[in-house]
Amino acid sequence: MLADRKSGQRGLFDGDGDDAATTTSSVLPNLPEFPEKEKLVMEKEVLGFYLTSHPLSQHEATLRTYCSHNEQAIAES
């Protein structure tokens, strides 16, 4: 435990009140948002699914034009 403190490591429930010595104040840069395609690629890579949108959502109107069935029609048949 003493070696951990010397190296700057703390436990989850360490409450020795020495927060001021280990807390650093840093300013984060103001970065622009990622482009939609790049964000979707990263979501799929990290989560395994798309969270904010879907890559085909920009083609929704075109896909509806050529769609002959949907899941509701298939379930009813």
Protein backbone atom coordinates (compact mmCIF):
# COMPACT_ATOMS: atom_id res chain seq x y z
CA MET A 1 0.00 0.00 0.00
CA LEU A 2 2.86 2.34 0.79
CA ALA A 3 4.51 1.51 -2.54
CA ASP A 4 1.25 2.35 -4.33
CA ARG A 5 1.10 5.76 -2.70
CA LYS A 6 4.71 6.47 -3.60
CA SER A 7 4.01 5.63 -7.24
CA GLY A 8 0.87 7.80 -7.26
CA GLN A 9 -1.66 4.97 -7.39
CA ARG A 10 -4.75 5.01 -5.25
CA GLY A 11 -7.48 2.55 -4.49
CA LEU A 12 -11.10 3.08 -5.42
CA PHE A 13 -12.13 3.72 -1.82
CA ASP A 14 -9.04 5.53 -0.59
CA GLY A 15 -10.34 8.50 1.32
CA ASP A 16 -7.23 10.00 2.83
CA GLY A 17 -8.28 13.54 1.85
CA ASP A 18 -5.20 14.13 -0.29
CA ASP A 19 -7.24 14.91 -3.42
CA ALA A 20 -5.68 18.32 -3.96
CA ALA A 21 -2.22 16.85 -4.48
CA THR A 22 -3.31 14.30 -7.10
CA THR A 23 -5.95 16.30 -8.97
CA THR A 24 -4.68 18.12 -12.02
CA SER A 25 -6.53 20.87 -13.75
CA SER A 26 -6.22 20.72 -17.51
CA VAL A 27 -8.13 22.53 -20.19
CA LEU A 28 -9.45 20.34 -22.98
CA PRO A 29 -9.22 21.68 -26.53
CA ASN A 30 -12.38 22.65 -28.35
CA LEU A 31 -12.45 20.19 -31.25
CA PRO A 32 -14.97 20.01 -34.09
CA GLU A 33 -17.43 17.12 -34.20
CA PHE A 34 -16.46 14.06 -36.23
CA PRO A 35 -18.06 13.69 -39.66
CA GLU A 36 -21.15 11.43 -39.67
CA LYS A 37 -19.50 8.56 -41.59
CA GLU A 38 -16.43 8.55 -39.36
CA LYS A 39 -18.58 8.60 -36.21
CA LEU A 40 -20.61 5.62 -37.45
CA VAL A 41 -17.45 3.64 -38.25
CA MET A 42 -16.12 4.27 -34.75
CA GLU A 43 -19.46 3.33 -33.12
CA LYS A 44 -19.59 0.06 -35.04
CA GLU A 45 -15.97 -0.73 -34.15
CA VAL A 46 -16.34 0.00 -30.43
CA LEU A 47 -19.94 -1.04 -29.70
CA GLY A 48 -20.62 -3.58 -32.44
CA PHE A 49 -23.71 -1.68 -33.60
CA TYR A 50 -24.73 1.78 -34.76
CA LEU A 51 -25.99 4.08 -32.03
CA THR A 52 -26.63 7.54 -33.44
CA SER A 53 -27.77 6.65 -36.97
CA HIS A 54 -27.33 4.05 -39.70
CA PRO A 55 -25.15 4.29 -42.82
CA LEU A 56 -28.16 3.66 -45.08
CA SER A 57 -30.37 6.33 -43.48
CA GLN A 58 -29.29 8.86 -46.10
CA HIS A 59 -30.71 6.52 -48.78
CA GLU A 60 -34.01 5.82 -47.00
CA ALA A 61 -36.26 7.46 -49.61
CA THR A 62 -34.59 5.60 -52.47
CA LEU A 63 -34.78 2.27 -50.65
CA ARG A 64 -38.50 2.75 -49.92
CA THR A 65 -39.11 3.27 -53.64
CA TYR A 66 -37.68 -0.15 -54.47
CA CYS A 67 -38.96 -1.99 -51.40
CA SER A 68 -41.73 -4.47 -52.18
CA HIS A 69 -42.19 -5.94 -48.68
CA ASN A 70 -41.58 -4.94 -45.07
CA GLU A 71 -41.35 -6.98 -41.89
CA GLN A 72 -45.03 -6.42 -41.05
CA ALA A 73 -46.22 -7.75 -44.44
CA ILE A 74 -43.94 -10.76 -44.13
CA ALA A 75 -45.20 -11.52 -40.61
CA GLU A 76 -48.82 -11.38 -41.77
CA SER A 77 -48.29 -13.85 -44.61
